[in-house]
């Protein structure tokens, strides 16, 4: 359990811990607790987004990370927190998360063997009073009534008023707030993200830093795939991974041009490589990881991408 009295007790070098060309030093915790994410030694940090997140941790700035699906927005925040030993908690703002889930509610509890009604705080007051990096995932999918609860806390040092308790909560000095989103509150303009909302611009304006996380350079993306699937680390495997990443790049260009409606994220490429280890056939793994997600009319285009990158035909799925 995270100790509410704990504060960062060391300073770490950004150059040494994150491998970035920077002389910055940021506060961190000497020892981790149960809420600190596990460190992924294979993770590769994007320079600008990492600096934005470090500014959030060091200077208590509210940071919103925007990007297409599969770019690793939430993971990026978690891995920064992991290297700082900073407790981190992710909350997915799906359509079922309501105001009472965030603020709290009265509930029947047992005290001294008697049933009594007591206030049970929600996740927001709980995290606000602790050294905790609270991450709102799918921020642009949150319900409007939920978003207005968050609005006051977005201000630096913003206090949270619990009306039912006549209480005003002051944030812990080590409380930090982050969020991830696909659209930055513009709604589902390209048809990719059903369920997202158009966000209040007054709320968007309260985020101190908005960082855009795009897909990695092909060489960096290939390195991540190889780190996830070490079995492809020989020369032949490296060539194959480079071809897989090149195919993913074609799907992204095709999506931008309107040729395909489903693109391959880095997550999809990793899944393809993992499925290759299971099925032993790159074409079968490709169909099961990506091609079968595409519209029937787009599959000839996808097959052409496959042929261009891997120099072999993508045979259609066998009929029963």
C-alpha atoms as a PDB file:
ATOM      1  CA  UNK A   1       0.000   0.000   0.000  1.00  0.00           C
ATOM      2  CA  UNK A   2       1.324   3.444  -0.916  1.00  0.00           C
ATOM      3  CA  UNK A   3       2.298   5.449   2.183  1.00  0.00           C
ATOM      4  CA  UNK A   4       0.528   8.861   2.046  1.00  0.00           C
ATOM      5  CA  UNK A   5       3.471  10.476   3.884  1.00  0.00           C
ATOM      6  CA  UNK A   6       6.064   9.474   1.296  1.00  0.00           C
ATOM      7  CA  UNK A   7       7.694  12.104  -0.920  1.00  0.00           C
ATOM      8  CA  UNK A   8      10.429  11.807  -3.591  1.00  0.00           C
ATOM      9  CA  UNK A   9      13.759  11.493  -1.814  1.00  0.00           C
ATOM     10  CA  UNK A  10      16.372  11.365  -4.594  1.00  0.00           C
ATOM     11  CA  UNK A  11      17.228  13.083  -7.885  1.00  0.00           C
ATOM     12  CA  UNK A  12      18.086  10.983 -10.951  1.00  0.00           C
ATOM     13  CA  UNK A  13      19.894  11.878 -14.164  1.00  0.00           C
ATOM     14  CA  UNK A  14      17.755  11.829 -17.300  1.00  0.00           C
ATOM     15  CA  UNK A  15      20.851  10.973 -19.321  1.00  0.00           C
ATOM     16  CA  UNK A  16      21.714   7.934 -17.196  1.00  0.00           C
ATOM     17  CA  UNK A  17      18.209   6.584 -16.541  1.00  0.00           C
ATOM     18  CA  UNK A  18      16.450   7.310 -19.855  1.00  0.00           C
ATOM     19  CA  UNK A  19      19.384   7.539 -22.264  1.00  0.00           C
ATOM     20  CA  UNK A  20      18.364  10.997 -23.486  1.00  0.00           C
ATOM     21  CA  UNK A  21      20.786  13.761 -24.409  1.00  0.00           C
ATOM     22  CA  UNK A  22      19.813  16.040 -21.555  1.00  0.00           C
ATOM     23  CA  UNK A  23      21.403  17.319 -18.364  1.00  0.00           C
ATOM     24  CA  UNK A  24      18.069  17.405 -16.537  1.00  0.00           C
ATOM     25  CA  UNK A  25      17.669  15.798 -13.144  1.00  0.00           C
ATOM     26  CA  UNK A  26      14.225  14.792 -11.911  1.00  0.00           C
ATOM     27  CA  UNK A  27      12.886  13.764  -8.492  1.00  0.00           C
ATOM     28  CA  UNK A  28      12.324  10.073  -7.840  1.00  0.00           C
ATOM     29  CA  UNK A  29      11.726   7.599  -5.043  1.00  0.00           C
ATOM     30  CA  UNK A  30      14.581   5.558  -3.673  1.00  0.00           C
ATOM     31  CA  UNK A  31      12.508   2.401  -3.196  1.00  0.00           C
ATOM     32  CA  UNK A  32       9.478   1.153  -5.145  1.00  0.00           C
ATOM     33  CA  UNK A  33       6.174   0.064  -3.667  1.00  0.00           C
ATOM     34  CA  UNK A  34       3.353  -2.175  -4.865  1.00  0.00           C
ATOM     35  CA  UNK A  35       1.892   0.492  -7.173  1.00  0.00           C
ATOM     36  CA  UNK A  36       5.103   1.087  -9.140  1.00  0.00           C
ATOM     37  CA  UNK A  37       4.846  -0.506 -12.623  1.00  0.00           C
ATOM     38  CA  UNK A  38       7.293  -3.194 -13.645  1.00  0.00           C
ATOM     39  CA  UNK A  39      10.263  -1.949 -15.636  1.00  0.00           C
ATOM     40  CA  UNK A  40      10.482  -3.128 -19.226  1.00  0.00           C
ATOM     41  CA  UNK A  41      14.200  -3.109 -20.084  1.00  0.00           C
ATOM     42  CA  UNK A  42      13.407  -3.359 -23.806  1.00  0.00           C
ATOM     43  CA  UNK A  43      11.284  -0.214 -23.857  1.00  0.00           C
ATOM     44  CA  UNK A  44      12.524   2.613 -26.105  1.00  0.00           C
ATOM     45  CA  UNK A  45      11.665   6.182 -25.158  1.00  0.00           C
ATOM     46  CA  UNK A  46      10.566   8.840 -27.640  1.00  0.00           C
ATOM     47  CA  UNK A  47      12.627  11.949 -26.892  1.00  0.00           C
ATOM     48  CA  UNK A  48      10.058  14.764 -26.907  1.00  0.00           C
ATOM     49  CA  UNK A  49       7.271  12.790 -25.219  1.00  0.00           C
ATOM     50  CA  UNK A  50       9.642  11.562 -22.511  1.00  0.00           C
ATOM     51  CA  UNK A  51      10.789  15.107 -21.759  1.00  0.00           C
ATOM     52  CA  UNK A  52       7.143  16.216 -21.599  1.00  0.00           C
ATOM     53  CA  UNK A  53       6.320  13.452 -19.120  1.00  0.00           C
ATOM     54  CA  UNK A  54       9.418  14.186 -17.045  1.00  0.00           C
ATOM     55  CA  UNK A  55       8.322  17.826 -16.872  1.00  0.00           C
ATOM     56  CA  UNK A  56       4.997  16.563 -15.550  1.00  0.00           C
ATOM     57  CA  UNK A  57       6.696  14.571 -12.815  1.00  0.00           C
ATOM     58  CA  UNK A  58       9.330  17.174 -11.922  1.00  0.00           C
ATOM     59  CA  UNK A  59       7.211  20.341 -12.103  1.00  0.00           C
ATOM     60  CA  UNK A  60       3.697  19.025 -11.406  1.00  0.00           C
ATOM     61  CA  UNK A  61       2.426  19.791 -14.898  1.00  0.00           C
ATOM     62  CA  UNK A  62      -0.728  18.144 -16.240  1.00  0.00           C
ATOM     63  CA  UNK A  63       0.307  16.172 -19.344  1.00  0.00           C
ATOM     64  CA  UNK A  64      -2.018  14.819 -22.035  1.00  0.00           C
ATOM     65  CA  UNK A  65      -0.468  12.324 -24.485  1.00  0.00           C
ATOM     66  CA  UNK A  66      -2.250  12.069 -27.844  1.00  0.00           C
ATOM     67  CA  UNK A  67      -1.649   9.575 -30.622  1.00  0.00           C
ATOM     68  CA  UNK A  68      -3.093   6.847 -32.792  1.00  0.00           C
ATOM     69  CA  UNK A  69      -3.811   3.442 -31.311  1.00  0.00           C
ATOM     70  CA  UNK A  70      -0.892   1.140 -30.648  1.00  0.00           C
ATOM     71  CA  UNK A  71       1.731   3.868 -30.281  1.00  0.00           C
ATOM     72  CA  UNK A  72       2.268   3.027 -26.604  1.00  0.00           C
ATOM     73  CA  UNK A  73       0.867   6.131 -24.930  1.00  0.00           C
ATOM     74  CA  UNK A  74      -0.095   4.551 -21.606  1.00  0.00           C
ATOM     75  CA  UNK A  75       2.958   2.306 -21.601  1.00  0.00           C
ATOM     76  CA  UNK A  76       5.176   5.341 -22.097  1.00  0.00           C
ATOM     77  CA  UNK A  77       3.812   6.963 -18.943  1.00  0.00           C
ATOM     78  CA  UNK A  78       4.108   3.705 -17.013  1.00  0.00           C
ATOM     79  CA  UNK A  79       7.723   3.154 -18.044  1.00  0.00           C
ATOM     80  CA  UNK A  80       8.729   6.677 -17.045  1.00  0.00           C
ATOM     81  CA  UNK A  81       7.022   6.129 -13.680  1.00  0.00           C
ATOM     82  CA  UNK A  82       8.713   2.732 -13.310  1.00  0.00           C
ATOM     83  CA  UNK A  83      12.186   4.235 -13.674  1.00  0.00           C
ATOM     84  CA  UNK A  84      11.353   6.944 -11.146  1.00  0.00           C
ATOM     85  CA  UNK A  85       9.836   4.391  -8.722  1.00  0.00           C
ATOM     86  CA  UNK A  86       6.756   6.620  -8.790  1.00  0.00           C
ATOM     87  CA  UNK A  87       3.483   4.845  -7.880  1.00  0.00           C
ATOM     88  CA  UNK A  88       1.162   4.836 -10.885  1.00  0.00           C
ATOM     89  CA  UNK A  89      -2.506   4.001 -11.308  1.00  0.00           C
ATOM     90  CA  UNK A  90      -4.389   3.747 -14.611  1.00  0.00           C
ATOM     91  CA  UNK A  91      -8.136   4.344 -14.872  1.00  0.00           C
ATOM     92  CA  UNK A  92      -9.907   3.562 -18.130  1.00  0.00           C
ATOM     93  CA  UNK A  93     -12.611   6.184 -18.742  1.00  0.00           C
ATOM     94  CA  UNK A  94     -15.088   3.914 -20.475  1.00  0.00           C
ATOM     95  CA  UNK A  95     -18.775   4.758 -20.686  1.00  0.00           C
ATOM     96  CA  UNK A  96     -19.518   2.957 -17.399  1.00  0.00           C
ATOM     97  CA  UNK A  97     -17.213   5.055 -15.208  1.00  0.00           C
ATOM     98  CA  UNK A  98     -19.450   7.593 -13.509  1.00  0.00           C
ATOM     99  CA  UNK A  99     -19.159  10.499 -11.112  1.00  0.00           C
ATOM    100  CA  UNK A 100     -19.678   8.301  -8.048  1.00  0.00           C
ATOM    101  CA  UNK A 101     -16.868   5.979  -9.148  1.00  0.00           C
ATOM    102  CA  UNK A 102     -14.480   8.921  -9.172  1.00  0.00           C
ATOM    103  CA  UNK A 103     -15.713  10.883  -6.156  1.00  0.00           C
ATOM    104  CA  UNK A 104     -17.147   8.174  -3.903  1.00  0.00           C
ATOM    105  CA  UNK A 105     -20.476   7.209  -2.398  1.00  0.00           C
ATOM    106  CA  UNK A 106     -22.200   6.215   0.813  1.00  0.00           C
ATOM    107  CA  UNK A 107     -22.076   2.486   1.440  1.00  0.00           C
ATOM    108  CA  UNK A 108     -23.135   0.102   4.186  1.00  0.00           C
ATOM    109  CA  UNK A 109     -20.086  -1.149   6.098  1.00  0.00           C
ATOM    110  CA  UNK A 110     -19.426  -3.097   9.286  1.00  0.00           C
ATOM    111  CA  UNK A 111     -18.072  -1.163  12.275  1.00  0.00           C
ATOM    112  CA  UNK A 112     -17.719  -2.921  15.625  1.00  0.00           C
ATOM    113  CA  UNK A 113     -20.063  -5.633  14.384  1.00  0.00           C
ATOM    114  CA  UNK A 114     -22.768  -3.139  13.425  1.00  0.00           C
ATOM    115  CA  UNK A 115     -23.950  -2.178   9.949  1.00  0.00           C
ATOM    116  CA  UNK A 116     -23.533   1.552   9.438  1.00  0.00           C
ATOM    117  CA  UNK A 117     -23.609   3.879   6.474  1.00  0.00           C
ATOM    118  CA  UNK A 118     -20.227   5.463   5.755  1.00  0.00           C
ATOM    119  CA  UNK A 119     -18.686   7.409   2.906  1.00  0.00           C
ATOM    120  CA  UNK A 120     -16.370   5.332   0.723  1.00  0.00           C
ATOM    121  CA  UNK A 121     -14.016   7.577  -1.259  1.00  0.00           C
ATOM    122  CA  UNK A 122     -13.656   7.012  -4.989  1.00  0.00           C
ATOM    123  CA  UNK A 123     -10.434   6.654  -6.904  1.00  0.00           C
ATOM    124  CA  UNK A 124      -9.875  10.403  -7.325  1.00  0.00           C
ATOM    125  CA  UNK A 125      -9.839  11.445  -3.629  1.00  0.00           C
ATOM    126  CA  UNK A 126      -7.878   8.283  -2.794  1.00  0.00           C
ATOM    127  CA  UNK A 127      -5.142   9.045  -5.333  1.00  0.00           C
ATOM    128  CA  UNK A 128      -5.191  12.799  -4.704  1.00  0.00           C
ATOM    129  CA  UNK A 129      -3.999  12.330  -1.130  1.00  0.00           C
ATOM    130  CA  UNK A 130      -1.111  10.037  -2.026  1.00  0.00           C
ATOM    131  CA  UNK A 131       2.170  10.118  -3.949  1.00  0.00           C
ATOM    132  CA  UNK A 132       0.525   8.788  -7.092  1.00  0.00           C
ATOM    133  CA  UNK A 133       0.651   9.332 -10.836  1.00  0.00           C
ATOM    134  CA  UNK A 134      -2.996   8.982 -11.856  1.00  0.00           C
ATOM    135  CA  UNK A 135      -3.451   8.195 -15.562  1.00  0.00           C
ATOM    136  CA  UNK A 136      -6.820   8.579 -17.264  1.00  0.00           C
ATOM    137  CA  UNK A 137      -6.776   6.256 -20.276  1.00  0.00           C
ATOM    138  CA  UNK A 138      -9.149   6.871 -23.201  1.00  0.00           C
ATOM    139  CA  UNK A 139      -9.657  10.381 -21.868  1.00  0.00           C
ATOM    140  CA  UNK A 140     -11.736  11.430 -24.872  1.00  0.00           C
ATOM    141  CA  UNK A 141     -14.197   8.578 -24.246  1.00  0.00           C
ATOM    142  CA  UNK A 142     -15.224   9.869 -20.821  1.00  0.00           C
ATOM    143  CA  UNK A 143     -18.804  10.919 -20.142  1.00  0.00           C
ATOM    144  CA  UNK A 144     -19.414  14.702 -19.931  1.00  0.00           C
ATOM    145  CA  UNK A 145     -20.518  14.572 -16.283  1.00  0.00           C
ATOM    146  CA  UNK A 146     -17.316  12.724 -15.422  1.00  0.00           C
ATOM    147  CA  UNK A 147     -15.120  15.214 -17.273  1.00  0.00           C
ATOM    148  CA  UNK A 148     -16.426  18.157 -15.247  1.00  0.00           C
ATOM    149  CA  UNK A 149     -15.462  16.344 -12.039  1.00  0.00           C
ATOM    150  CA  UNK A 150     -11.896  16.202 -13.316  1.00  0.00           C
ATOM    151  CA  UNK A 151     -11.803  19.835 -14.471  1.00  0.00           C
ATOM    152  CA  UNK A 152     -11.041  21.419 -11.086  1.00  0.00           C
ATOM    153  CA  UNK A 153      -8.238  18.956 -10.360  1.00  0.00           C
ATOM    154  CA  UNK A 154      -6.581  19.825 -13.666  1.00  0.00           C
ATOM    155  CA  UNK A 155      -5.447  23.156 -12.289  1.00  0.00           C
ATOM    156  CA  UNK A 156      -2.027  23.008 -10.675  1.00  0.00           C
ATOM    157  CA  UNK A 157      -2.592  22.525  -6.967  1.00  0.00           C
ATOM    158  CA  UNK A 158      -6.310  22.267  -7.694  1.00  0.00           C
ATOM    159  CA  UNK A 159      -8.293  21.173  -4.670  1.00  0.00           C
ATOM    160  CA  UNK A 160     -11.155  18.715  -4.801  1.00  0.00           C
ATOM    161  CA  UNK A 161     -14.403  19.587  -3.016  1.00  0.00           C
ATOM    162  CA  UNK A 162     -16.482  16.706  -1.687  1.00  0.00           C
ATOM    163  CA  UNK A 163     -19.928  18.254  -1.401  1.00  0.00           C
ATOM    164  CA  UNK A 164     -21.440  15.298   0.450  1.00  0.00           C
ATOM    165  CA  UNK A 165     -18.746  15.520   3.115  1.00  0.00           C
ATOM    166  CA  UNK A 166     -18.301  19.304   3.310  1.00  0.00           C
ATOM    167  CA  UNK A 167     -14.624  18.600   2.753  1.00  0.00           C
ATOM    168  CA  UNK A 168     -11.973  20.221   0.583  1.00  0.00           C
ATOM    169  CA  UNK A 169      -9.034  17.957  -0.275  1.00  0.00           C
ATOM    170  CA  UNK A 170      -5.598  19.391  -0.988  1.00  0.00           C
ATOM    171  CA  UNK A 171      -3.447  17.325  -3.386  1.00  0.00           C
ATOM    172  CA  UNK A 172      -0.447  15.477  -2.024  1.00  0.00           C
ATOM    173  CA  UNK A 173       2.830  17.186  -3.064  1.00  0.00           C
ATOM    174  CA  UNK A 174       3.713  14.096  -5.127  1.00  0.00           C
ATOM    175  CA  UNK A 175       0.310  13.663  -6.797  1.00  0.00           C
ATOM    176  CA  UNK A 176       0.580  13.854 -10.604  1.00  0.00           C
ATOM    177  CA  UNK A 177      -2.111  13.714 -13.288  1.00  0.00           C
ATOM    178  CA  UNK A 178      -1.740  12.364 -16.834  1.00  0.00           C
ATOM    179  CA  UNK A 179      -4.115  11.267 -19.575  1.00  0.00           C
ATOM    180  CA  UNK A 180      -4.009   9.532 -22.946  1.00  0.00           C
ATOM    181  CA  UNK A 181      -6.326  10.157 -25.886  1.00  0.00           C
ATOM    182  CA  UNK A 182      -6.640   9.305 -29.549  1.00  0.00           C
ATOM    183  CA  UNK A 183      -8.259  12.529 -30.750  1.00  0.00           C
ATOM    184  CA  UNK A 184      -7.519  15.489 -28.390  1.00  0.00           C
ATOM    185  CA  UNK A 185     -11.217  16.079 -27.975  1.00  0.00           C
ATOM    186  CA  UNK A 186     -12.081  16.597 -31.636  1.00  0.00           C
ATOM    187  CA  UNK A 187     -14.442  13.622 -31.851  1.00  0.00           C
ATOM    188  CA  UNK A 188     -14.478  10.697 -34.258  1.00  0.00           C
ATOM    189  CA  UNK A 189     -13.499  12.630 -37.381  1.00  0.00           C
ATOM    190  CA  UNK A 190     -11.865   9.755 -39.291  1.00  0.00           C
ATOM    191  CA  UNK A 191     -14.242   6.965 -38.225  1.00  0.00           C
ATOM    192  CA  UNK A 192     -11.522   5.051 -36.342  1.00  0.00           C
ATOM    193  CA  UNK A 193     -12.591   5.742 -32.793  1.00  0.00           C
ATOM    194  CA  UNK A 194     -16.280   5.149 -32.193  1.00  0.00           C
ATOM    195  CA  UNK A 195     -17.423   6.207 -28.751  1.00  0.00           C
ATOM    196  CA  UNK A 196     -15.086   9.164 -28.274  1.00  0.00           C
ATOM    197  CA  UNK A 197     -16.545  12.534 -27.330  1.00  0.00           C
ATOM    198  CA  UNK A 198     -15.965  16.094 -28.387  1.00  0.00           C
ATOM    199  CA  UNK A 199     -14.388  17.625 -25.297  1.00  0.00           C
ATOM    200  CA  UNK A 200     -14.990  21.008 -23.730  1.00  0.00           C
ATOM    201  CA  UNK A 201     -12.268  23.373 -24.953  1.00  0.00           C
ATOM    202  CA  UNK A 202     -12.092  25.036 -21.544  1.00  0.00           C
ATOM    203  CA  UNK A 203     -11.027  21.668 -20.160  1.00  0.00           C
ATOM    204  CA  UNK A 204      -8.522  20.944 -22.931  1.00  0.00           C
ATOM    205  CA  UNK A 205      -7.028  24.375 -22.210  1.00  0.00           C
ATOM    206  CA  UNK A 206      -6.310  23.300 -18.621  1.00  0.00           C
ATOM    207  CA  UNK A 207      -3.793  20.676 -19.713  1.00  0.00           C
ATOM    208  CA  UNK A 208      -0.393  22.308 -19.301  1.00  0.00           C
ATOM    209  CA  UNK A 209       1.371  20.081 -21.836  1.00  0.00           C
ATOM    210  CA  UNK A 210      -0.052  18.158 -24.806  1.00  0.00           C
ATOM    211  CA  UNK A 211       2.440  15.683 -26.280  1.00  0.00           C
ATOM    212  CA  UNK A 212       1.929  13.902 -29.600  1.00  0.00           C
ATOM    213  CA  UNK A 213       3.236  10.331 -29.788  1.00  0.00           C
ATOM    214  CA  UNK A 214       3.628   9.124 -33.356  1.00  0.00           C
ATOM    215  CA  UNK A 215       4.843   5.823 -34.733  1.00  0.00           C
ATOM    216  CA  UNK A 216       8.557   5.182 -34.362  1.00  0.00           C
ATOM    217  CA  UNK A 217      11.260   5.215 -37.007  1.00  0.00           C
ATOM    218  CA  UNK A 218      11.349   1.792 -38.754  1.00  0.00           C
ATOM    219  CA  UNK A 219      14.725   0.870 -37.237  1.00  0.00           C
ATOM    220  CA  UNK A 220      13.489   1.653 -33.716  1.00  0.00           C
ATOM    221  CA  UNK A 221      10.223  -0.206 -34.293  1.00  0.00           C
ATOM    222  CA  UNK A 222      12.153  -3.250 -35.550  1.00  0.00           C
ATOM    223  CA  UNK A 223      14.351  -3.131 -32.444  1.00  0.00           C
ATOM    224  CA  UNK A 224      11.260  -3.234 -30.214  1.00  0.00           C
ATOM    225  CA  UNK A 225       9.846  -6.233 -32.101  1.00  0.00           C
ATOM    226  CA  UNK A 226      13.171  -8.059 -31.780  1.00  0.00           C
ATOM    227  CA  UNK A 227      13.283  -7.294 -28.068  1.00  0.00           C
ATOM    228  CA  UNK A 228       9.791  -8.775 -27.662  1.00  0.00           C
ATOM    229  CA  UNK A 229      10.520 -11.839 -29.819  1.00  0.00           C
ATOM    230  CA  UNK A 230      14.203 -12.744 -29.274  1.00  0.00           C
ATOM    231  CA  UNK A 231      13.803 -15.900 -31.391  1.00  0.00           C
ATOM    232  CA  UNK A 232      13.986 -13.655 -34.468  1.00  0.00           C
ATOM    233  CA  UNK A 233      17.358 -12.252 -33.452  1.00  0.00           C
ATOM    234  CA  UNK A 234      19.446 -14.086 -36.080  1.00  0.00           C
ATOM    235  CA  UNK A 235      20.250 -12.551 -39.469  1.00  0.00           C
ATOM    236  CA  UNK A 236      17.271 -14.128 -41.224  1.00  0.00           C
ATOM    237  CA  UNK A 237      14.944 -13.075 -38.428  1.00  0.00           C
ATOM    238  CA  UNK A 238      16.204  -9.490 -38.511  1.00  0.00           C
ATOM    239  CA  UNK A 239      15.603  -9.291 -42.250  1.00  0.00           C
ATOM    240  CA  UNK A 240      12.100 -10.673 -41.774  1.00  0.00           C
ATOM    241  CA  UNK A 241      11.287  -8.174 -39.016  1.00  0.00           C
ATOM    242  CA  UNK A 242      12.516  -5.333 -41.217  1.00  0.00           C
ATOM    243  CA  UNK A 243      10.142  -6.551 -43.936  1.00  0.00           C
ATOM    244  CA  UNK A 244       7.275  -6.776 -41.449  1.00  0.00           C
ATOM    245  CA  UNK A 245       7.877  -3.221 -40.256  1.00  0.00           C
ATOM    246  CA  UNK A 246       8.072  -2.017 -43.873  1.00  0.00           C
ATOM    247  CA  UNK A 247       4.683  -3.651 -44.541  1.00  0.00           C
ATOM    248  CA  UNK A 248       3.252  -1.882 -41.497  1.00  0.00           C
ATOM    249  CA  UNK A 249       4.540   1.382 -42.932  1.00  0.00           C
ATOM    250  CA  UNK A 250       2.716   0.711 -46.198  1.00  0.00           C
ATOM    251  CA  UNK A 251      -0.557   0.138 -44.352  1.00  0.00           C
ATOM    252  CA  UNK A 252      -0.130   3.474 -42.571  1.00  0.00           C
ATOM    253  CA  UNK A 253       0.514   5.277 -45.835  1.00  0.00           C
ATOM    254  CA  UNK A 254      -2.417   3.428 -47.380  1.00  0.00           C
ATOM    255  CA  UNK A 255      -4.635   4.500 -44.499  1.00  0.00           C
ATOM    256  CA  UNK A 256      -3.590   8.134 -44.950  1.00  0.00           C
ATOM    257  CA  UNK A 257      -4.361   7.856 -48.685  1.00  0.00           C
ATOM    258  CA  UNK A 258      -7.711   6.165 -48.087  1.00  0.00           C
ATOM    259  CA  UNK A 259      -6.683   2.834 -49.651  1.00  0.00           C
ATOM    260  CA  UNK A 260      -7.254   0.827 -46.454  1.00  0.00           C
ATOM    261  CA  UNK A 261      -9.358   1.575 -43.399  1.00  0.00           C
ATOM    262  CA  UNK A 262      -7.292  -0.473 -40.920  1.00  0.00           C
ATOM    263  CA  UNK A 263      -3.636   0.210 -40.258  1.00  0.00           C
ATOM    264  CA  UNK A 264      -0.974  -1.863 -38.535  1.00  0.00           C
ATOM    265  CA  UNK A 265       0.163  -0.430 -35.229  1.00  0.00           C
ATOM    266  CA  UNK A 266       3.441  -1.455 -33.566  1.00  0.00           C
ATOM    267  CA  UNK A 267       1.301  -3.621 -31.293  1.00  0.00           C
ATOM    268  CA  UNK A 268      -0.004  -5.452 -34.371  1.00  0.00           C
ATOM    269  CA  UNK A 269       3.519  -6.037 -35.681  1.00  0.00           C
ATOM    270  CA  UNK A 270       4.569  -7.497 -32.328  1.00  0.00           C
ATOM    271  CA  UNK A 271       1.474  -9.716 -32.346  1.00  0.00           C
ATOM    272  CA  UNK A 272       2.343 -10.865 -35.877  1.00  0.00           C
ATOM    273  CA  UNK A 273       5.867 -11.794 -34.769  1.00  0.00           C
ATOM    274  CA  UNK A 274       4.544 -13.632 -31.705  1.00  0.00           C
ATOM    275  CA  UNK A 275       1.979 -15.518 -33.783  1.00  0.00           C
ATOM    276  CA  UNK A 276       4.718 -16.459 -36.214  1.00  0.00           C
ATOM    277  CA  UNK A 277       6.372 -18.360 -33.364  1.00  0.00           C
ATOM    278  CA  UNK A 278       3.114 -20.207 -32.737  1.00  0.00           C
ATOM    279  CA  UNK A 279       2.103 -21.081 -36.313  1.00  0.00           C
ATOM    280  CA  UNK A 280       5.501 -21.206 -37.998  1.00  0.00           C
ATOM    281  CA  UNK A 281       4.224 -19.571 -41.208  1.00  0.00           C
ATOM    282  CA  UNK A 282       4.574 -15.856 -41.812  1.00  0.00           C
ATOM    283  CA  UNK A 283       1.536 -15.703 -44.122  1.00  0.00           C
ATOM    284  CA  UNK A 284      -0.761 -17.579 -41.734  1.00  0.00           C
ATOM    285  CA  UNK A 285       0.399 -15.408 -38.840  1.00  0.00           C
ATOM    286  CA  UNK A 286      -0.164 -12.273 -40.953  1.00  0.00           C
ATOM    287  CA  UNK A 287      -3.724 -13.254 -41.851  1.00  0.00           C
ATOM    288  CA  UNK A 288      -4.586 -14.066 -38.243  1.00  0.00           C
ATOM    289  CA  UNK A 289      -2.919 -10.947 -36.839  1.00  0.00           C
ATOM    290  CA  UNK A 290      -4.011  -8.321 -39.347  1.00  0.00           C
ATOM    291  CA  UNK A 291      -5.441  -9.286 -42.743  1.00  0.00           C
ATOM    292  CA  UNK A 292      -8.621 -10.827 -41.329  1.00  0.00           C
ATOM    293  CA  UNK A 293      -9.390  -7.516 -39.601  1.00  0.00           C
ATOM    294  CA  UNK A 294      -9.551  -5.739 -42.958  1.00  0.00           C
ATOM    295  CA  UNK A 295     -12.614  -5.243 -45.094  1.00  0.00           C
ATOM    296  CA  UNK A 296     -13.074  -7.871 -47.804  1.00  0.00           C
ATOM    297  CA  UNK A 297     -12.753  -5.245 -50.549  1.00  0.00           C
ATOM    298  CA  UNK A 298      -9.395  -4.066 -49.176  1.00  0.00           C
ATOM    299  CA  UNK A 299      -7.728  -7.462 -48.953  1.00  0.00           C
ATOM    300  CA  UNK A 300      -6.293  -7.366 -52.500  1.00  0.00           C
ATOM    301  CA  UNK A 301      -4.501  -4.145 -51.523  1.00  0.00           C
ATOM    302  CA  UNK A 302      -3.246  -5.791 -48.336  1.00  0.00           C
ATOM    303  CA  UNK A 303      -2.082  -8.822 -50.349  1.00  0.00           C
ATOM    304  CA  UNK A 304      -0.168  -6.471 -52.651  1.00  0.00           C
ATOM    305  CA  UNK A 305       1.572  -4.901 -49.653  1.00  0.00           C
ATOM    306  CA  UNK A 306       2.506  -8.382 -48.454  1.00  0.00           C
ATOM    307  CA  UNK A 307       3.901  -9.370 -51.854  1.00  0.00           C
ATOM    308  CA  UNK A 308       5.917  -6.172 -52.212  1.00  0.00           C
ATOM    309  CA  UNK A 309       7.561  -6.481 -48.802  1.00  0.00           C
ATOM    310  CA  UNK A 310       8.018 -10.237 -48.412  1.00  0.00           C
ATOM    311  CA  UNK A 311       8.393 -11.189 -52.092  1.00  0.00           C
ATOM    312  CA  UNK A 312       5.787 -13.941 -51.896  1.00  0.00           C
ATOM    313  CA  UNK A 313       2.086 -14.183 -52.553  1.00  0.00           C
ATOM    314  CA  UNK A 314      -0.442 -14.060 -49.769  1.00  0.00           C
ATOM    315  CA  UNK A 315      -2.588 -17.053 -50.519  1.00  0.00           C
ATOM    316  CA  UNK A 316      -6.300 -16.649 -49.750  1.00  0.00           C
ATOM    317  CA  UNK A 317      -7.738 -18.491 -46.777  1.00  0.00           C
ATOM    318  CA  UNK A 318      -8.598 -22.039 -47.715  1.00  0.00           C
ATOM    319  CA  UNK A 319     -12.333 -22.708 -48.101  1.00  0.00           C
ATOM    320  CA  UNK A 320     -13.883 -25.650 -46.203  1.00  0.00           C
END
